[in-house]
Amino acid sequence: MARQPRPDRETLPGIADIRITADEATTALIVDALRREFTITSPRPYSGGRSYLRLDTGNTAPDGDRQ
């Protein structure tokens, strides 16, 4: 059976979009922990206790599914 074509990725390898739903103190603890291990953007706060940030794992390996 032939493999179905897959659409191009919309994100870069090694980049994760993170959503945190927590109070400010908990969000700050999580951001501090992530910042110790990864390169991250500053969290963007939204209503409802949500914050969004991007995390770079540094993975620049080629996508093995693409040829």
PDB file of N, CA and C in Angstrom:
ATOM      1  N   MET A   1       0.832  -1.169   0.000  1.00  0.00           N
ATOM      2  CA  MET A   1       0.000   0.000   0.000  1.00  0.00           C
ATOM      3  C   MET A   1       0.886   1.245   0.000  1.00  0.00           C
ATOM      4  N   ALA A   2       0.626   2.164  -0.894  1.00  0.00           N
ATOM      5  CA  ALA A   2       1.436   3.381  -1.027  1.00  0.00           C
ATOM      6  C   ALA A   2       1.160   4.342   0.126  1.00  0.00           C
ATOM      7  N   ARG A   3       2.185   5.008   0.520  1.00  0.00           N
ATOM      8  CA  ARG A   3       2.050   5.983   1.600  1.00  0.00           C
ATOM      9  C   ARG A   3       1.328   7.226   1.091  1.00  0.00           C
ATOM     10  N   GLN A   4       0.399   7.735   1.892  1.00  0.00           N
ATOM     11  CA  GLN A   4      -0.341   8.940   1.527  1.00  0.00           C
ATOM     12  C   GLN A   4       0.570  10.160   1.631  1.00  0.00           C
ATOM     13  N   PRO A   5       0.480  11.088   0.677  1.00  0.00           N
ATOM     14  CA  PRO A   5       1.285  12.307   0.815  1.00  0.00           C
ATOM     15  C   PRO A   5       0.828  13.087   2.043  1.00  0.00           C
ATOM     16  N   ARG A   6       1.772  13.694   2.705  1.00  0.00           N
ATOM     17  CA  ARG A   6       1.410  14.455   3.893  1.00  0.00           C
ATOM     18  C   ARG A   6       1.671  15.933   3.647  1.00  0.00           C
ATOM     19  N   PRO A   7       0.853  16.793   4.214  1.00  0.00           N
ATOM     20  CA  PRO A   7       1.042  18.233   3.992  1.00  0.00           C
ATOM     21  C   PRO A   7       2.345  18.723   4.622  1.00  0.00           C
ATOM     22  N   ASP A   8       2.874  19.812   4.083  1.00  0.00           N
ATOM     23  CA  ASP A   8       4.081  20.409   4.652  1.00  0.00           C
ATOM     24  C   ASP A   8       3.835  20.809   6.091  1.00  0.00           C
ATOM     25  N   ARG A   9       4.894  20.734   6.909  1.00  0.00           N
ATOM     26  CA  ARG A   9       4.798  21.143   8.308  1.00  0.00           C
ATOM     27  C   ARG A   9       4.575  22.650   8.387  1.00  0.00           C
ATOM     28  N   GLU A  10       3.841  23.046   9.409  1.00  0.00           N
ATOM     29  CA  GLU A  10       3.609  24.462   9.638  1.00  0.00           C
ATOM     30  C   GLU A  10       4.535  25.024  10.713  1.00  0.00           C
ATOM     31  N   THR A  11       5.342  24.174  11.333  1.00  0.00           N
ATOM     32  CA  THR A  11       6.273  24.619  12.361  1.00  0.00           C
ATOM     33  C   THR A  11       7.660  24.075  12.036  1.00  0.00           C
ATOM     34  N   LEU A  12       8.648  24.628  12.663  1.00  0.00           N
ATOM     35  CA  LEU A  12      10.019  24.175  12.464  1.00  0.00           C
ATOM     36  C   LEU A  12      10.320  23.006  13.391  1.00  0.00           C
ATOM     37  N   PRO A  13      11.210  22.090  12.994  1.00  0.00           N
ATOM     38  CA  PRO A  13      11.586  21.006  13.897  1.00  0.00           C
ATOM     39  C   PRO A  13      12.207  21.583  15.166  1.00  0.00           C
ATOM     40  N   GLY A  14      11.854  21.022  16.280  1.00  0.00           N
ATOM     41  CA  GLY A  14      12.445  21.446  17.530  1.00  0.00           C
ATOM     42  C   GLY A  14      11.753  22.609  18.207  1.00  0.00           C
ATOM     43  N   ILE A  15      10.681  23.139  17.610  1.00  0.00           N
ATOM     44  CA  ILE A  15       9.936  24.245  18.216  1.00  0.00           C
ATOM     45  C   ILE A  15       8.620  23.706  18.749  1.00  0.00           C
ATOM     46  N   ALA A  16       8.332  23.992  20.007  1.00  0.00           N
ATOM     47  CA  ALA A  16       7.074  23.558  20.617  1.00  0.00           C
ATOM     48  C   ALA A  16       6.272  24.781  21.032  1.00  0.00           C
ATOM     49  N   ASP A  17       4.990  24.773  20.706  1.00  0.00           N
ATOM     50  CA  ASP A  17       4.066  25.799  21.193  1.00  0.00           C
ATOM     51  C   ASP A  17       3.473  25.284  22.496  1.00  0.00           C
ATOM     52  N   ILE A  18       3.622  26.047  23.571  1.00  0.00           N
ATOM     53  CA  ILE A  18       3.216  25.619  24.903  1.00  0.00           C
ATOM     54  C   ILE A  18       2.081  26.513  25.405  1.00  0.00           C
ATOM     55  N   ARG A  19       1.059  25.898  25.973  1.00  0.00           N
ATOM     56  CA  ARG A  19      -0.010  26.648  26.648  1.00  0.00           C
ATOM     57  C   ARG A  19      -0.003  26.234  28.110  1.00  0.00           C
ATOM     58  N   ILE A  20       0.065  27.218  28.984  1.00  0.00           N
ATOM     59  CA  ILE A  20       0.023  26.974  30.420  1.00  0.00           C
ATOM     60  C   ILE A  20      -1.274  27.581  30.946  1.00  0.00           C
ATOM     61  N   THR A  21      -2.047  26.804  31.669  1.00  0.00           N
ATOM     62  CA  THR A  21      -3.265  27.301  32.310  1.00  0.00           C
ATOM     63  C   THR A  21      -3.062  27.184  33.812  1.00  0.00           C
ATOM     64  N   ALA A  22      -2.733  28.310  34.434  1.00  0.00           N
ATOM     65  CA  ALA A  22      -2.432  28.306  35.869  1.00  0.00           C
ATOM     66  C   ALA A  22      -2.452  29.738  36.382  1.00  0.00           C
ATOM     67  N   ASP A  23      -2.362  29.887  37.700  1.00  0.00           N
ATOM     68  CA  ASP A  23      -2.262  31.229  38.269  1.00  0.00           C
ATOM     69  C   ASP A  23      -0.858  31.772  37.992  1.00  0.00           C
ATOM     70  N   GLU A  24      -0.660  33.063  38.293  1.00  0.00           N
ATOM     71  CA  GLU A  24       0.613  33.719  37.964  1.00  0.00           C
ATOM     72  C   GLU A  24       1.808  33.071  38.655  1.00  0.00           C
ATOM     73  N   ALA A  25       1.652  32.701  39.913  1.00  0.00           N
ATOM     74  CA  ALA A  25       2.768  32.110  40.664  1.00  0.00           C
ATOM     75  C   ALA A  25       3.176  30.764  40.068  1.00  0.00           C
ATOM     76  N   THR A  26       2.202  29.941  39.742  1.00  0.00           N
ATOM     77  CA  THR A  26       2.500  28.630  39.157  1.00  0.00           C
ATOM     78  C   THR A  26       3.105  28.787  37.774  1.00  0.00           C
ATOM     79  N   THR A  27       2.559  29.712  36.991  1.00  0.00           N
ATOM     80  CA  THR A  27       3.105  29.973  35.659  1.00  0.00           C
ATOM     81  C   THR A  27       4.563  30.399  35.766  1.00  0.00           C
ATOM     82  N   ALA A  28       4.873  31.272  36.723  1.00  0.00           N
ATOM     83  CA  ALA A  28       6.258  31.732  36.912  1.00  0.00           C
ATOM     84  C   ALA A  28       7.191  30.572  37.267  1.00  0.00           C
ATOM     85  N   LEU A  29       6.734  29.647  38.103  1.00  0.00           N
ATOM     86  CA  LEU A  29       7.556  28.478  38.449  1.00  0.00           C
ATOM     87  C   LEU A  29       7.828  27.608  37.224  1.00  0.00           C
ATOM     88  N   ILE A  30       6.808  27.383  36.430  1.00  0.00           N
ATOM     89  CA  ILE A  30       6.957  26.553  35.232  1.00  0.00           C
ATOM     90  C   ILE A  30       7.896  27.220  34.242  1.00  0.00           C
ATOM     91  N   VAL A  31       7.705  28.518  34.025  1.00  0.00           N
ATOM     92  CA  VAL A  31       8.559  29.254  33.084  1.00  0.00           C
ATOM     93  C   VAL A  31      10.009  29.227  33.553  1.00  0.00           C
ATOM     94  N   ASP A  32      10.251  29.427  34.834  1.00  0.00           N
ATOM     95  CA  ASP A  32      11.621  29.373  35.364  1.00  0.00           C
ATOM     96  C   ASP A  32      12.255  28.001  35.132  1.00  0.00           C
ATOM     97  N   ALA A  33      11.493  26.941  35.372  1.00  0.00           N
ATOM     98  CA  ALA A  33      12.012  25.582  35.158  1.00  0.00           C
ATOM     99  C   ALA A  33      12.320  25.340  33.677  1.00  0.00           C
ATOM    100  N   LEU A  34      11.438  25.753  32.798  1.00  0.00           N
ATOM    101  CA  LEU A  34      11.680  25.576  31.360  1.00  0.00           C
ATOM    102  C   LEU A  34      12.879  26.393  30.903  1.00  0.00           C
ATOM    103  N   ARG A  35      13.001  27.611  31.422  1.00  0.00           N
ATOM    104  CA  ARG A  35      14.094  28.499  31.004  1.00  0.00           C
ATOM    105  C   ARG A  35      15.461  27.941  31.411  1.00  0.00           C
ATOM    106  N   ARG A  36      15.529  27.160  32.488  1.00  0.00           N
ATOM    107  CA  ARG A  36      16.808  26.561  32.902  1.00  0.00           C
ATOM    108  C   ARG A  36      17.305  25.529  31.885  1.00  0.00           C
ATOM    109  N   GLU A  37      16.403  24.883  31.178  1.00  0.00           N
ATOM    110  CA  GLU A  37      16.775  23.793  30.273  1.00  0.00           C
ATOM    111  C   GLU A  37      16.656  24.137  28.789  1.00  0.00           C
ATOM    112  N   PHE A  38      15.827  25.122  28.452  1.00  0.00           N
ATOM    113  CA  PHE A  38      15.534  25.413  27.047  1.00  0.00           C
ATOM    114  C   PHE A  38      15.580  26.911  26.782  1.00  0.00           C
ATOM    115  N   THR A  39      15.649  27.256  25.510  1.00  0.00           N
ATOM    116  CA  THR A  39      15.452  28.631  25.086  1.00  0.00           C
ATOM    117  C   THR A  39      13.961  28.806  24.865  1.00  0.00           C
ATOM    118  N   ILE A  40      13.364  29.775  25.553  1.00  0.00           N
ATOM    119  CA  ILE A  40      11.925  29.993  25.427  1.00  0.00           C
ATOM    120  C   ILE A  40      11.631  31.467  25.173  1.00  0.00           C
ATOM    121  N   THR A  41      10.446  31.732  24.634  1.00  0.00           N
ATOM    122  CA  THR A  41       9.985  33.107  24.503  1.00  0.00           C
ATOM    123  C   THR A  41       9.343  33.524  25.821  1.00  0.00           C
ATOM    124  N   SER A  42       9.153  34.806  26.004  1.00  0.00           N
ATOM    125  CA  SER A  42       8.417  35.278  27.171  1.00  0.00           C
ATOM    126  C   SER A  42       6.962  34.856  27.021  1.00  0.00           C
ATOM    127  N   PRO A  43       6.336  34.397  28.093  1.00  0.00           N
ATOM    128  CA  PRO A  43       4.936  33.972  27.987  1.00  0.00           C
ATOM    129  C   PRO A  43       4.021  35.155  27.689  1.00  0.00           C
ATOM    130  N   ARG A  44       3.057  34.926  26.803  1.00  0.00           N
ATOM    131  CA  ARG A  44       2.043  35.935  26.481  1.00  0.00           C
ATOM    132  C   ARG A  44       0.781  35.593  27.260  1.00  0.00           C
ATOM    133  N   PRO A  45       0.394  36.431  28.212  1.00  0.00           N
ATOM    134  CA  PRO A  45      -0.799  36.126  29.011  1.00  0.00           C
ATOM    135  C   PRO A  45      -2.091  36.413  28.243  1.00  0.00           C
ATOM    136  N   TYR A  46      -3.084  35.574  28.443  1.00  0.00           N
ATOM    137  CA  TYR A  46      -4.420  35.741  27.876  1.00  0.00           C
ATOM    138  C   TYR A  46      -5.426  35.577  29.000  1.00  0.00           C
ATOM    139  N   SER A  47      -6.672  35.863  28.709  1.00  0.00           N
ATOM    140  CA  SER A  47      -7.718  35.753  29.726  1.00  0.00           C
ATOM    141  C   SER A  47      -7.877  34.300  30.175  1.00  0.00           C
ATOM    142  N   GLY A  48      -8.475  34.112  31.329  1.00  0.00           N
ATOM    143  CA  GLY A  48      -8.735  32.763  31.820  1.00  0.00           C
ATOM    144  C   GLY A  48      -7.522  32.078  32.403  1.00  0.00           C
ATOM    145  N   GLY A  49      -6.460  32.842  32.734  1.00  0.00           N
ATOM    146  CA  GLY A  49      -5.279  32.236  33.335  1.00  0.00           C
ATOM    147  C   GLY A  49      -4.401  31.480  32.358  1.00  0.00           C
ATOM    148  N   ARG A  50      -4.563  31.742  31.074  1.00  0.00           N
ATOM    149  CA  ARG A  50      -3.749  31.046  30.075  1.00  0.00           C
ATOM    150  C   ARG A  50      -2.555  31.899  29.673  1.00  0.00           C
ATOM    151  N   SER A  51      -1.445  31.246  29.437  1.00  0.00           N
ATOM    152  CA  SER A  51      -0.250  31.890  28.894  1.00  0.00           C
ATOM    153  C   SER A  51       0.291  31.003  27.788  1.00  0.00           C
ATOM    154  N   TYR A  52       0.816  31.625  26.749  1.00  0.00           N
ATOM    155  CA  TYR A  52       1.370  30.899  25.615  1.00  0.00           C
ATOM    156  C   TYR A  52       2.830  31.290  25.428  1.00  0.00           C
ATOM    157  N   LEU A  53       3.658  30.301  25.111  1.00  0.00           N
ATOM    158  CA  LEU A  53       5.055  30.563  24.817  1.00  0.00           C
ATOM    159  C   LEU A  53       5.556  29.535  23.822  1.00  0.00           C
ATOM    160  N   ARG A  54       6.726  29.792  23.277  1.00  0.00           N
ATOM    161  CA  ARG A  54       7.371  28.852  22.363  1.00  0.00           C
ATOM    162  C   ARG A  54       8.665  28.375  22.997  1.00  0.00           C
ATOM    163  N   LEU A  55       8.989  27.115  22.765  1.00  0.00           N
ATOM    164  CA  LEU A  55      10.160  26.476  23.349  1.00  0.00           C
ATOM    165  C   LEU A  55      10.999  25.917  22.209  1.00  0.00           C
ATOM    166  N   ASP A  56      12.288  26.197  22.234  1.00  0.00           N
ATOM    167  CA  ASP A  56      13.208  25.707  21.205  1.00  0.00           C
ATOM    168  C   ASP A  56      14.082  24.620  21.815  1.00  0.00           C
ATOM    169  N   THR A  57      13.928  23.393  21.327  1.00  0.00           N
ATOM    170  CA  THR A  57      14.729  22.285  21.852  1.00  0.00           C
ATOM    171  C   THR A  57      16.094  22.213  21.186  1.00  0.00           C
ATOM    172  N   GLY A  58      16.288  23.014  20.159  1.00  0.00           N
ATOM    173  CA  GLY A  58      17.570  23.004  19.465  1.00  0.00           C
ATOM    174  C   GLY A  58      17.697  21.880  18.451  1.00  0.00           C
ATOM    175  N   ASN A  59      16.616  21.156  18.208  1.00  0.00           N
ATOM    176  CA  ASN A  59      16.647  20.050  17.258  1.00  0.00           C
ATOM    177  C   ASN A  59      16.609  20.589  15.829  1.00  0.00           C
ATOM    178  N   THR A  60      17.683  20.405  15.115  1.00  0.00           N
ATOM    179  CA  THR A  60      17.723  20.846  13.716  1.00  0.00           C
ATOM    180  C   THR A  60      17.882  19.661  12.776  1.00  0.00           C
ATOM    181  N   ALA A  61      17.644  18.462  13.295  1.00  0.00           N
ATOM    182  CA  ALA A  61      17.757  17.254  12.459  1.00  0.00           C
ATOM    183  C   ALA A  61      16.705  17.298  11.367  1.00  0.00           C
ATOM    184  N   PRO A  62      17.031  16.791  10.186  1.00  0.00           N
ATOM    185  CA  PRO A  62      16.032  16.760   9.109  1.00  0.00           C
ATOM    186  C   PRO A  62      14.869  15.853   9.465  1.00  0.00           C
ATOM    187  N   ASP A  63      13.732  16.150   8.899  1.00  0.00           N
ATOM    188  CA  ASP A  63      12.518  15.348   9.089  1.00  0.00           C
ATOM    189  C   ASP A  63      12.696  14.032   8.353  1.00  0.00           C
ATOM    190  N   GLY A  64      12.724  12.933   9.062  1.00  0.00           N
ATOM    191  CA  GLY A  64      12.927  11.611   8.448  1.00  0.00           C
ATOM    192  C   GLY A  64      11.805  11.158   7.554  1.00  0.00           C
ATOM    193  N   ASP A  65      10.621  11.763   7.687  1.00  0.00           N
ATOM    194  CA  ASP A  65       9.491  11.390   6.834  1.00  0.00           C
ATOM    195  C   ASP A  65       9.530  12.061   5.471  1.00  0.00           C
ATOM    196  N   ARG A  66      10.358  13.053   5.315  1.00  0.00           N
ATOM    197  CA  ARG A  66      10.436  13.796   4.043  1.00  0.00           C
ATOM    198  C   ARG A  66      11.624  13.279   3.241  1.00  0.00           C
ATOM    199  N   GLN A  67      11.453  13.195   1.969  1.00  0.00           N
ATOM    200  CA  GLN A  67      12.570  12.726   1.133  1.00  0.00           C
ATOM    201  C   GLN A  67      12.843  13.662   0.008  1.00  0.00           C
TER     202      GLN A  67
END
